[in-house]
Amino acid sequence: MKSDNDMQPDIRDELARVLSGHAEKLDVQVLEGVVTLTGSVDSDLDKWTVEDAVRRMPGVRALINETLVA
């Protein structure tokens, strides 16, 4: 299983991919496989897309999505 430090850049890369490179307003924290997202996205669809992408990542045990739609 990947460490939290290994998961964080992988998650950032995946978010950049699914948001077509517009993930700069998101912050990713990983602690014991629990991912916390903060920041903002452009739409509800983006928020759901981000959630789906993170939940599919290997090693993610839970997701706390605190992103705001701005």
N, C-alpha and C. Protein backbone atom coordinates (compact mmCIF):
# COMPACT_ATOMS: atom_id res chain seq x y z
N MET A 1 0.85 -1.19 0.00
CA MET A 1 0.00 0.00 0.00
C MET A 1 0.89 1.24 0.00
N LYS A 2 0.47 2.25 -0.73
CA LYS A 2 1.24 3.48 -0.82
C LYS A 2 1.14 4.27 0.48
N SER A 3 2.22 5.01 0.75
CA SER A 3 2.20 5.89 1.91
C SER A 3 1.39 7.15 1.58
N ASP A 4 1.03 7.87 2.62
CA ASP A 4 0.28 9.11 2.42
C ASP A 4 1.07 10.08 1.54
N ASN A 5 2.38 10.16 1.78
CA ASN A 5 3.23 11.07 1.00
C ASN A 5 3.30 10.66 -0.47
N ASP A 6 3.20 9.36 -0.75
CA ASP A 6 3.20 8.89 -2.14
C ASP A 6 1.84 9.12 -2.80
N MET A 7 0.76 9.02 -2.02
CA MET A 7 -0.58 9.17 -2.57
C MET A 7 -0.89 10.61 -2.97
N GLN A 8 -0.40 11.57 -2.18
CA GLN A 8 -0.77 12.96 -2.40
C GLN A 8 -0.44 13.46 -3.81
N PRO A 9 0.78 13.27 -4.32
CA PRO A 9 1.03 13.75 -5.70
C PRO A 9 0.24 12.99 -6.76
N ASP A 10 -0.01 11.69 -6.51
CA ASP A 10 -0.82 10.92 -7.45
C ASP A 10 -2.24 11.47 -7.52
N ILE A 11 -2.79 11.83 -6.37
CA ILE A 11 -4.14 12.39 -6.33
C ILE A 11 -4.17 13.75 -7.02
N ARG A 12 -3.16 14.58 -6.76
CA ARG A 12 -3.09 15.89 -7.42
C ARG A 12 -3.03 15.73 -8.94
N ASP A 13 -2.23 14.78 -9.41
CA ASP A 13 -2.13 14.54 -10.85
C ASP A 13 -3.47 14.10 -11.43
N GLU A 14 -4.16 13.22 -10.72
CA GLU A 14 -5.46 12.73 -11.20
C GLU A 14 -6.48 13.87 -11.23
N LEU A 15 -6.47 14.71 -10.22
CA LEU A 15 -7.40 15.85 -10.20
C LEU A 15 -7.12 16.81 -11.35
N ALA A 16 -5.85 17.06 -11.63
CA ALA A 16 -5.50 17.91 -12.77
C ALA A 16 -5.98 17.29 -14.07
N ARG A 17 -5.89 15.95 -14.16
CA ARG A 17 -6.33 15.26 -15.37
C ARG A 17 -7.84 15.38 -15.55
N VAL A 18 -8.61 15.08 -14.50
CA VAL A 18 -10.07 15.07 -14.65
C VAL A 18 -10.66 16.47 -14.75
N LEU A 19 -9.94 17.46 -14.26
CA LEU A 19 -10.42 18.84 -14.36
C LEU A 19 -9.71 19.59 -15.49
N SER A 20 -9.12 18.86 -16.41
CA SER A 20 -8.42 19.44 -17.57
C SER A 20 -7.41 20.50 -17.17
N GLY A 21 -6.65 20.19 -16.11
CA GLY A 21 -5.58 21.09 -15.69
C GLY A 21 -6.02 22.25 -14.82
N HIS A 22 -7.27 22.29 -14.41
CA HIS A 22 -7.78 23.40 -13.61
C HIS A 22 -7.98 23.01 -12.14
N ALA A 23 -7.01 22.32 -11.58
CA ALA A 23 -7.12 21.87 -10.19
C ALA A 23 -6.29 22.73 -9.24
N GLU A 24 -5.79 23.86 -9.73
CA GLU A 24 -4.89 24.68 -8.92
C GLU A 24 -5.57 25.29 -7.69
N LYS A 25 -6.89 25.36 -7.68
CA LYS A 25 -7.61 25.93 -6.54
C LYS A 25 -7.94 24.88 -5.48
N LEU A 26 -7.44 23.65 -5.66
CA LEU A 26 -7.71 22.58 -4.71
C LEU A 26 -6.47 22.26 -3.88
N ASP A 27 -6.69 21.96 -2.61
CA ASP A 27 -5.61 21.50 -1.74
C ASP A 27 -5.95 20.07 -1.32
N VAL A 28 -4.93 19.21 -1.31
CA VAL A 28 -5.10 17.80 -0.98
C VAL A 28 -4.26 17.46 0.24
N GLN A 29 -4.90 16.92 1.25
CA GLN A 29 -4.20 16.42 2.43
C GLN A 29 -4.55 14.94 2.58
N VAL A 30 -3.56 14.12 2.95
CA VAL A 30 -3.79 12.69 3.15
C VAL A 30 -3.22 12.30 4.49
N LEU A 31 -4.04 11.66 5.32
CA LEU A 31 -3.61 11.18 6.62
C LEU A 31 -4.19 9.80 6.84
N GLU A 32 -3.32 8.80 6.87
CA GLU A 32 -3.70 7.40 7.06
C GLU A 32 -4.75 6.95 6.04
N GLY A 33 -4.58 7.40 4.81
CA GLY A 33 -5.47 7.00 3.73
C GLY A 33 -6.75 7.80 3.63
N VAL A 34 -6.96 8.74 4.56
CA VAL A 34 -8.14 9.61 4.52
C VAL A 34 -7.74 10.89 3.80
N VAL A 35 -8.42 11.16 2.70
CA VAL A 35 -8.12 12.32 1.86
C VAL A 35 -9.08 13.45 2.21
N THR A 36 -8.52 14.63 2.46
CA THR A 36 -9.32 15.82 2.69
C THR A 36 -9.05 16.81 1.57
N LEU A 37 -10.11 17.21 0.91
CA LEU A 37 -10.01 18.20 -0.17
C LEU A 37 -10.59 19.52 0.31
N THR A 38 -9.86 20.60 0.08
CA THR A 38 -10.36 21.94 0.37
C THR A 38 -10.09 22.81 -0.84
N GLY A 39 -10.73 23.96 -0.87
CA GLY A 39 -10.56 24.87 -1.99
C GLY A 39 -11.87 25.02 -2.73
N SER A 40 -11.77 25.36 -4.02
CA SER A 40 -12.99 25.59 -4.78
C SER A 40 -12.91 24.96 -6.16
N VAL A 41 -14.09 24.67 -6.69
CA VAL A 41 -14.26 24.17 -8.05
C VAL A 41 -15.29 25.05 -8.74
N ASP A 42 -15.41 24.91 -10.04
CA ASP A 42 -16.28 25.81 -10.81
C ASP A 42 -17.75 25.41 -10.83
N SER A 43 -18.06 24.12 -10.55
CA SER A 43 -19.45 23.69 -10.66
C SER A 43 -19.70 22.46 -9.79
N ASP A 44 -20.98 22.15 -9.60
CA ASP A 44 -21.34 20.93 -8.88
C ASP A 44 -20.82 19.71 -9.62
N LEU A 45 -20.86 19.74 -10.94
CA LEU A 45 -20.35 18.62 -11.73
C LEU A 45 -18.87 18.40 -11.45
N ASP A 46 -18.09 19.47 -11.38
CA ASP A 46 -16.68 19.34 -11.05
C ASP A 46 -16.49 18.75 -9.65
N LYS A 47 -17.31 19.16 -8.71
CA LYS A 47 -17.21 18.63 -7.35
C LYS A 47 -17.47 17.12 -7.34
N TRP A 48 -18.49 16.69 -8.06
CA TRP A 48 -18.79 15.25 -8.13
C TRP A 48 -17.70 14.49 -8.88
N THR A 49 -17.17 15.09 -9.92
CA THR A 49 -16.09 14.47 -10.69
C THR A 49 -14.86 14.26 -9.83
N VAL A 50 -14.53 15.27 -9.04
CA VAL A 50 -13.38 15.19 -8.12
C VAL A 50 -13.60 14.07 -7.10
N GLU A 51 -14.79 14.02 -6.52
CA GLU A 51 -15.09 12.97 -5.54
C GLU A 51 -14.92 11.58 -6.15
N ASP A 52 -15.47 11.40 -7.32
CA ASP A 52 -15.39 10.10 -7.99
C ASP A 52 -13.95 9.73 -8.28
N ALA A 53 -13.17 10.68 -8.77
CA ALA A 53 -11.78 10.41 -9.11
C ALA A 53 -10.97 10.02 -7.88
N VAL A 54 -11.16 10.72 -6.78
CA VAL A 54 -10.40 10.43 -5.56
C VAL A 54 -10.80 9.08 -4.99
N ARG A 55 -12.07 8.78 -4.97
CA ARG A 55 -12.54 7.50 -4.40
C ARG A 55 -11.98 6.30 -5.18
N ARG A 56 -11.67 6.47 -6.46
CA ARG A 56 -11.13 5.38 -7.28
C ARG A 56 -9.63 5.16 -7.07
N MET A 57 -8.96 6.10 -6.45
CA MET A 57 -7.51 6.02 -6.29
C MET A 57 -7.13 4.91 -5.32
N PRO A 58 -6.09 4.14 -5.66
CA PRO A 58 -5.65 3.07 -4.77
C PRO A 58 -5.17 3.63 -3.42
N GLY A 59 -5.57 2.97 -2.35
CA GLY A 59 -5.14 3.35 -1.01
C GLY A 59 -6.04 4.33 -0.30
N VAL A 60 -7.01 4.92 -1.01
CA VAL A 60 -7.91 5.88 -0.38
C VAL A 60 -8.93 5.11 0.46
N ARG A 61 -8.92 5.39 1.76
CA ARG A 61 -9.85 4.71 2.67
C ARG A 61 -11.13 5.50 2.86
N ALA A 62 -11.02 6.85 2.80
CA ALA A 62 -12.19 7.72 2.98
C ALA A 62 -11.89 9.07 2.35
N LEU A 63 -12.95 9.82 2.09
CA LEU A 63 -12.82 11.14 1.48
C LEU A 63 -13.65 12.15 2.28
N ILE A 64 -13.01 13.25 2.62
CA ILE A 64 -13.71 14.38 3.21
C ILE A 64 -13.60 15.51 2.19
N ASN A 65 -14.71 15.84 1.56
CA ASN A 65 -14.71 16.84 0.51
C ASN A 65 -15.29 18.15 1.04
N GLU A 66 -14.40 19.08 1.31
CA GLU A 66 -14.80 20.39 1.83
C GLU A 66 -14.69 21.47 0.75
N THR A 67 -14.68 21.04 -0.52
CA THR A 67 -14.58 22.02 -1.60
C THR A 67 -15.87 22.82 -1.72
N LEU A 68 -15.72 24.04 -2.17
CA LEU A 68 -16.85 24.93 -2.40
C LEU A 68 -17.01 25.17 -3.88
N VAL A 69 -18.24 25.36 -4.31
CA VAL A 69 -18.50 25.71 -5.70
C VAL A 69 -18.48 27.24 -5.78
N ALA A 70 -17.54 27.75 -6.57
CA ALA A 70 -17.38 29.21 -6.65
C ALA A 70 -17.64 29.70 -8.06
